[in-house]
PDB file of N, CA and C in Angstrom:
ATOM      1  N   MET A   1     151.619 143.411 116.634  1.00  0.00           N
ATOM      2  CA  MET A   1     152.713 144.307 116.307  1.00  0.00           C
ATOM      3  C   MET A   1     152.403 144.965 114.969  1.00  0.00           C
ATOM      4  N   PHE A   2     152.394 146.281 114.932  1.00  0.00           N
ATOM      5  CA  PHE A   2     152.141 147.030 113.707  1.00  0.00           C
ATOM      6  C   PHE A   2     153.346 147.901 113.394  1.00  0.00           C
ATOM      7  N   ASP A   3     153.731 147.916 112.134  1.00  0.00           N
ATOM      8  CA  ASP A   3     154.796 148.783 111.652  1.00  0.00           C
ATOM      9  C   ASP A   3     154.127 149.771 110.703  1.00  0.00           C
ATOM     10  N   VAL A   4     153.598 150.860 111.260  1.00  0.00           N
ATOM     11  CA  VAL A   4     152.800 151.807 110.489  1.00  0.00           C
ATOM     12  C   VAL A   4     153.625 153.046 110.165  1.00  0.00           C
ATOM     13  N   PRO A   5     153.690 153.407 108.876  1.00  0.00           N
ATOM     14  CA  PRO A   5     154.426 154.623 108.525  1.00  0.00           C
ATOM     15  C   PRO A   5     153.697 155.863 109.031  1.00  0.00           C
ATOM     16  N   PRO A   6     154.438 156.945 109.269  1.00  0.00           N
ATOM     17  CA  PRO A   6     153.784 158.181 109.708  1.00  0.00           C
ATOM     18  C   PRO A   6     152.913 158.740 108.584  1.00  0.00           C
ATOM     19  N   PRO A   7     151.870 159.514 108.923  1.00  0.00           N
ATOM     20  CA  PRO A   7     151.038 160.112 107.877  1.00  0.00           C
ATOM     21  C   PRO A   7     151.869 161.008 106.964  1.00  0.00           C
ATOM     22  N   ASN A   8     151.606 160.933 105.684  1.00  0.00           N
ATOM     23  CA  ASN A   8     152.311 161.794 104.740  1.00  0.00           C
ATOM     24  C   ASN A   8     151.499 161.917 103.452  1.00  0.00           C
ATOM     25  N   GLU A   9     151.887 162.852 102.632  1.00  0.00           N
ATOM     26  CA  GLU A   9     151.252 163.001 101.328  1.00  0.00           C
ATOM     27  C   GLU A   9     151.883 161.974 100.406  1.00  0.00           C
ATOM     28  N   VAL A  10     151.054 161.216  99.711  1.00  0.00           N
ATOM     29  CA  VAL A  10     151.549 160.141  98.851  1.00  0.00           C
ATOM     30  C   VAL A  10     151.352 160.528  97.393  1.00  0.00           C
ATOM     31  N   ARG A  11     152.442 160.512  96.648  1.00  0.00           N
ATOM     32  CA  ARG A  11     152.385 160.815  95.216  1.00  0.00           C
ATOM     33  C   ARG A  11     153.138 159.748  94.446  1.00  0.00           C
ATOM     34  N   GLY A  12     152.463 159.137  93.488  1.00  0.00           N
ATOM     35  CA  GLY A  12     153.090 158.140  92.638  1.00  0.00           C
ATOM     36  C   GLY A  12     152.854 156.725  93.146  1.00  0.00           C
ATOM     37  N   ILE A  13     152.812 155.771  92.209  1.00  0.00           N
ATOM     38  CA  ILE A  13     152.491 154.389  92.546  1.00  0.00           C
ATOM     39  C   ILE A  13     153.552 153.752  93.441  1.00  0.00           C
ATOM     40  N   VAL A  14     154.825 154.064  93.245  1.00  0.00           N
ATOM     41  CA  VAL A  14     155.886 153.471  94.075  1.00  0.00           C
ATOM     42  C   VAL A  14     155.720 153.913  95.523  1.00  0.00           C
ATOM     43  N   THR A  15     155.528 155.201  95.744  1.00  0.00           N
ATOM     44  CA  THR A  15     155.333 155.711  97.095  1.00  0.00           C
ATOM     45  C   THR A  15     154.059 155.143  97.700  1.00  0.00           C
ATOM     46  N   TYR A  16     153.005 155.017  96.898  1.00  0.00           N
ATOM     47  CA  TYR A  16     151.751 154.435  97.380  1.00  0.00           C
ATOM     48  C   TYR A  16     151.981 153.023  97.895  1.00  0.00           C
ATOM     49  N   ARG A  17     152.666 152.209  97.113  1.00  0.00           N
ATOM     50  CA  ARG A  17     152.927 150.820  97.533  1.00  0.00           C
ATOM     51  C   ARG A  17     153.765 150.772  98.803  1.00  0.00           C
ATOM     52  N   GLU A  18     154.741 151.675  98.923  1.00  0.00           N
ATOM     53  CA  GLU A  18     155.598 151.685 100.104  1.00  0.00           C
ATOM     54  C   GLU A  18     154.839 152.088 101.365  1.00  0.00           C
ATOM     55  N   THR A  19     153.781 152.886 101.224  1.00  0.00           N
ATOM     56  CA  THR A  19     153.092 153.409 102.401  1.00  0.00           C
ATOM     57  C   THR A  19     151.781 152.705 102.709  1.00  0.00           C
ATOM     58  N   THR A  20     151.306 151.803 101.846  1.00  0.00           N
ATOM     59  CA  THR A  20     150.011 151.183 102.104  1.00  0.00           C
ATOM     60  C   THR A  20     150.097 149.718 102.485  1.00  0.00           C
ATOM     61  N   LEU A  21     151.266 149.139 102.460  1.00  0.00           N
ATOM     62  CA  LEU A  21     151.396 147.739 102.873  1.00  0.00           C
ATOM     63  C   LEU A  21     152.000 147.700 104.263  1.00  0.00           C
ATOM     64  N   LEU A  22     151.190 147.334 105.238  1.00  0.00           N
ATOM     65  CA  LEU A  22     151.601 147.320 106.631  1.00  0.00           C
ATOM     66  C   LEU A  22     152.100 145.941 107.032  1.00  0.00           C
ATOM     67  N   ARG A  23     152.974 145.911 108.011  1.00  0.00           N
ATOM     68  CA  ARG A  23     153.420 144.643 108.582  1.00  0.00           C
ATOM     69  C   ARG A  23     152.546 144.360 109.804  1.00  0.00           C
ATOM     70  N   CYS A  24     152.011 143.157 109.885  1.00  0.00           N
ATOM     71  CA  CYS A  24     151.145 142.794 111.000  1.00  0.00           C
ATOM     72  C   CYS A  24     151.385 141.336 111.347  1.00  0.00           C
ATOM     73  N   ALA A  25     152.155 141.093 112.400  1.00  0.00           N
ATOM     74  CA  ALA A  25     152.469 139.728 112.815  1.00  0.00           C
ATOM     75  C   ALA A  25     153.241 139.788 114.119  1.00  0.00           C
ATOM     76  N   THR A  26     153.438 138.623 114.705  1.00  0.00           N
ATOM     77  CA  THR A  26     154.292 138.568 115.882  1.00  0.00           C
ATOM     78  C   THR A  26     155.736 138.687 115.424  1.00  0.00           C
ATOM     79  N   ALA A  27     156.630 138.974 116.341  1.00  0.00           N
ATOM     80  CA  ALA A  27     158.060 139.088 115.997  1.00  0.00           C
ATOM     81  C   ALA A  27     158.560 137.781 115.386  1.00  0.00           C
ATOM     82  N   GLU A  28     158.129 136.652 115.909  1.00  0.00           N
ATOM     83  CA  GLU A  28     158.547 135.352 115.377  1.00  0.00           C
ATOM     84  C   GLU A  28     158.038 135.140 113.956  1.00  0.00           C
ATOM     85  N   GLU A  29     156.770 135.494 113.716  1.00  0.00           N
ATOM     86  CA  GLU A  29     156.203 135.353 112.372  1.00  0.00           C
ATOM     87  C   GLU A  29     156.925 136.244 111.369  1.00  0.00           C
ATOM     88  N   LEU A  30     157.295 137.452 111.778  1.00  0.00           N
ATOM     89  CA  LEU A  30     158.016 138.358 110.873  1.00  0.00           C
ATOM     90  C   LEU A  30     159.427 137.858 110.585  1.00  0.00           C
ATOM     91  N   ARG A  31     160.055 137.200 111.559  1.00  0.00           N
ATOM     92  CA  ARG A  31     161.381 136.611 111.290  1.00  0.00           C
ATOM     93  C   ARG A  31     161.276 135.511 110.243  1.00  0.00           C
ATOM     94  N   LYS A  32     160.203 134.718 110.313  1.00  0.00           N
ATOM     95  CA  LYS A  32     160.000 133.627 109.342  1.00  0.00           C
ATOM     96  C   LYS A  32     159.594 134.155 107.970  1.00  0.00           C
ATOM     97  N   ASP A  33     158.799 135.215 107.945  1.00  0.00           N
ATOM     98  CA  ASP A  33     158.285 135.767 106.685  1.00  0.00           C
ATOM     99  C   ASP A  33     158.288 137.297 106.758  1.00  0.00           C
ATOM    100  N   PRO A  34     159.471 137.916 106.579  1.00  0.00           N
ATOM    101  CA  PRO A  34     159.564 139.375 106.722  1.00  0.00           C
ATOM    102  C   PRO A  34     158.779 140.164 105.676  1.00  0.00           C
ATOM    103  N   ASP A  35     158.351 139.522 104.601  1.00  0.00           N
ATOM    104  CA  ASP A  35     157.596 140.219 103.561  1.00  0.00           C
ATOM    105  C   ASP A  35     156.087 140.130 103.762  1.00  0.00           C
ATOM    106  N   SER A  36     155.643 139.528 104.868  1.00  0.00           N
ATOM    107  CA  SER A  36     154.213 139.445 105.159  1.00  0.00           C
ATOM    108  C   SER A  36     153.655 140.853 105.337  1.00  0.00           C
ATOM    109  N   ARG A  37     152.605 141.170 104.612  1.00  0.00           N
ATOM    110  CA  ARG A  37     152.027 142.511 104.646  1.00  0.00           C
ATOM    111  C   ARG A  37     150.507 142.456 104.737  1.00  0.00           C
ATOM    112  N   VAL A  38     149.924 143.509 105.251  1.00  0.00           N
ATOM    113  CA  VAL A  38     148.475 143.698 105.278  1.00  0.00           C
ATOM    114  C   VAL A  38     148.162 144.844 104.324  1.00  0.00           C
ATOM    115  N   ARG A  39     147.105 144.668 103.525  1.00  0.00           N
ATOM    116  CA  ARG A  39     146.727 145.699 102.562  1.00  0.00           C
ATOM    117  C   ARG A  39     145.467 146.407 103.053  1.00  0.00           C
ATOM    118  N   PRO A  40     145.566 147.690 103.413  1.00  0.00           N
ATOM    119  CA  PRO A  40     144.362 148.422 103.827  1.00  0.00           C
ATOM    120  C   PRO A  40     143.628 149.005 102.623  1.00  0.00           C
ATOM    121  N   THR A  41     142.312 149.013 102.701  1.00  0.00           N
ATOM    122  CA  THR A  41     141.470 149.654 101.702  1.00  0.00           C
ATOM    123  C   THR A  41     140.573 150.638 102.441  1.00  0.00           C
ATOM    124  N   VAL A  42     140.499 151.865 101.951  1.00  0.00           N
ATOM    125  CA  VAL A  42     139.725 152.902 102.622  1.00  0.00           C
ATOM    126  C   VAL A  42     138.772 153.545 101.627  1.00  0.00           C
ATOM    127  N   ARG A  43     137.503 153.694 102.039  1.00  0.00           N
ATOM    128  CA  ARG A  43     136.517 154.416 101.227  1.00  0.00           C
ATOM    129  C   ARG A  43     136.280 155.762 101.903  1.00  0.00           C
ATOM    130  N   LEU A  44     136.352 156.823 101.119  1.00  0.00           N
ATOM    131  CA  LEU A  44     136.145 158.174 101.637  1.00  0.00           C
ATOM    132  C   LEU A  44     134.873 158.780 101.057  1.00  0.00           C
ATOM    133  N   ARG A  45     134.278 159.701 101.812  1.00  0.00           N
ATOM    134  CA  ARG A  45     133.164 160.492 101.279  1.00  0.00           C
ATOM    135  C   ARG A  45     133.299 161.907 101.833  1.00  0.00           C
ATOM    136  N   LYS A  46     132.791 162.834 101.072  1.00  0.00           N
ATOM    137  CA  LYS A  46     132.897 164.231 101.463  1.00  0.00           C
ATOM    138  C   LYS A  46     131.662 164.643 102.243  1.00  0.00           C
ATOM    139  N   GLU A  47     131.872 165.159 103.452  1.00  0.00           N
ATOM    140  CA  GLU A  47     130.787 165.633 104.319  1.00  0.00           C
ATOM    141  C   GLU A  47     131.125 167.035 104.781  1.00  0.00           C
ATOM    142  N   GLY A  48     130.259 167.982 104.474  1.00  0.00           N
ATOM    143  CA  GLY A  48     130.490 169.344 104.924  1.00  0.00           C
ATOM    144  C   GLY A  48     131.817 169.931 104.473  1.00  0.00           C
ATOM    145  N   GLY A  49     132.243 169.569 103.257  1.00  0.00           N
ATOM    146  CA  GLY A  49     133.499 170.098 102.723  1.00  0.00           C
ATOM    147  C   GLY A  49     134.753 169.372 103.205  1.00  0.00           C
ATOM    148  N   ARG A  50     134.596 168.320 104.014  1.00  0.00           N
ATOM    149  CA  ARG A  50     135.754 167.556 104.521  1.00  0.00           C
ATOM    150  C   ARG A  50     135.635 166.104 104.097  1.00  0.00           C
ATOM    151  N   TRP A  51     136.771 165.470 103.811  1.00  0.00           N
ATOM    152  CA  TRP A  51     136.782 164.056 103.488  1.00  0.00           C
ATOM    153  C   TRP A  51     136.824 163.260 104.786  1.00  0.00           C
ATOM    154  N   VAL A  52     135.944 162.265 104.892  1.00  0.00           N
ATOM    155  CA  VAL A  52     135.907 161.400 106.067  1.00  0.00           C
ATOM    156  C   VAL A  52     135.937 159.937 105.621  1.00  0.00           C
ATOM    157  N   VAL A  53     136.502 159.082 106.461  1.00  0.00           N
ATOM    158  CA  VAL A  53     136.545 157.651 106.168  1.00  0.00           C
ATOM    159  C   VAL A  53     135.154 157.078 106.402  1.00  0.00           C
ATOM    160  N   SER A  54     134.565 156.457 105.367  1.00  0.00           N
ATOM    161  CA  SER A  54     133.245 155.853 105.513  1.00  0.00           C
ATOM    162  C   SER A  54     133.336 154.333 105.611  1.00  0.00           C
ATOM    163  N   HIS A  55     134.470 153.752 105.219  1.00  0.00           N
ATOM    164  CA  HIS A  55     134.666 152.302 105.312  1.00  0.00           C
ATOM    165  C   HIS A  55     136.160 152.013 105.316  1.00  0.00           C
ATOM    166  N   GLU A  56     136.557 151.032 106.104  1.00  0.00           N
ATOM    167  CA  GLU A  56     137.956 150.633 106.158  1.00  0.00           C
ATOM    168  C   GLU A  56     138.007 149.110 106.211  1.00  0.00           C
ATOM    169  N   HIS A  57     138.910 148.515 105.430  1.00  0.00           N
ATOM    170  CA  HIS A  57     139.033 147.064 105.367  1.00  0.00           C
ATOM    171  C   HIS A  57     140.509 146.705 105.260  1.00  0.00           C
ATOM    172  N   HIS A  58     140.919 145.636 105.927  1.00  0.00           N
ATOM    173  CA  HIS A  58     142.312 145.166 105.858  1.00  0.00           C
ATOM    174  C   HIS A  58     142.307 143.726 105.372  1.00  0.00           C
ATOM    175  N   SER A  59     143.245 143.401 104.478  1.00  0.00           N
ATOM    176  CA  SER A  59     143.333 142.033 103.963  1.00  0.00           C
ATOM    177  C   SER A  59     144.797 141.675 103.724  1.00  0.00           C
ATOM    178  N   PHE A  60     145.052 140.372 103.643  1.00  0.00           N
ATOM    179  CA  PHE A  60     146.380 139.880 103.310  1.00  0.00           C
ATOM    180  C   PHE A  60     146.381 139.525 101.834  1.00  0.00           C
ATOM    181  N   PRO A  61     147.419 139.914 101.073  1.00  0.00           N
ATOM    182  CA  PRO A  61     147.493 139.542  99.662  1.00  0.00           C
ATOM    183  C   PRO A  61     147.505 138.018  99.510  1.00  0.00           C
ATOM    184  N   ALA A  62     146.909 137.527  98.435  1.00  0.00           N
ATOM    185  CA  ALA A  62     146.886 136.083  98.161  1.00  0.00           C
ATOM    186  C   ALA A  62     148.289 135.574  97.904  1.00  0.00           C
ATOM    187  N   ARG A  63     148.539 134.377  98.319  1.00  0.00           N
ATOM    188  CA  ARG A  63     149.849 133.737  98.083  1.00  0.00           C
ATOM    189  C   ARG A  63     149.656 132.564  97.138  1.00  0.00           C
ATOM    190  N   ASP A  64     150.659 132.322  96.303  1.00  0.00           N
ATOM    191  CA  ASP A  64     150.591 131.173  95.358  1.00  0.00           C
ATOM    192  C   ASP A  64     150.864 129.887  96.072  1.00  0.00           C
TER     193      ASP A  64
END
């Protein structure tokens, strides 16, 4: 189950945080831990005047 926001222009750190932390879990897992998030990291490179994704990685933030 993914709760992915629609594509949009992101400006500012608050908006960035709101749009880059995805929810990824079963419905039961989300009921137990609704703040569980996945953090995507994307590397871009410019090819022929266009930006393209050259690497993508997803991770879960560390928990104490």
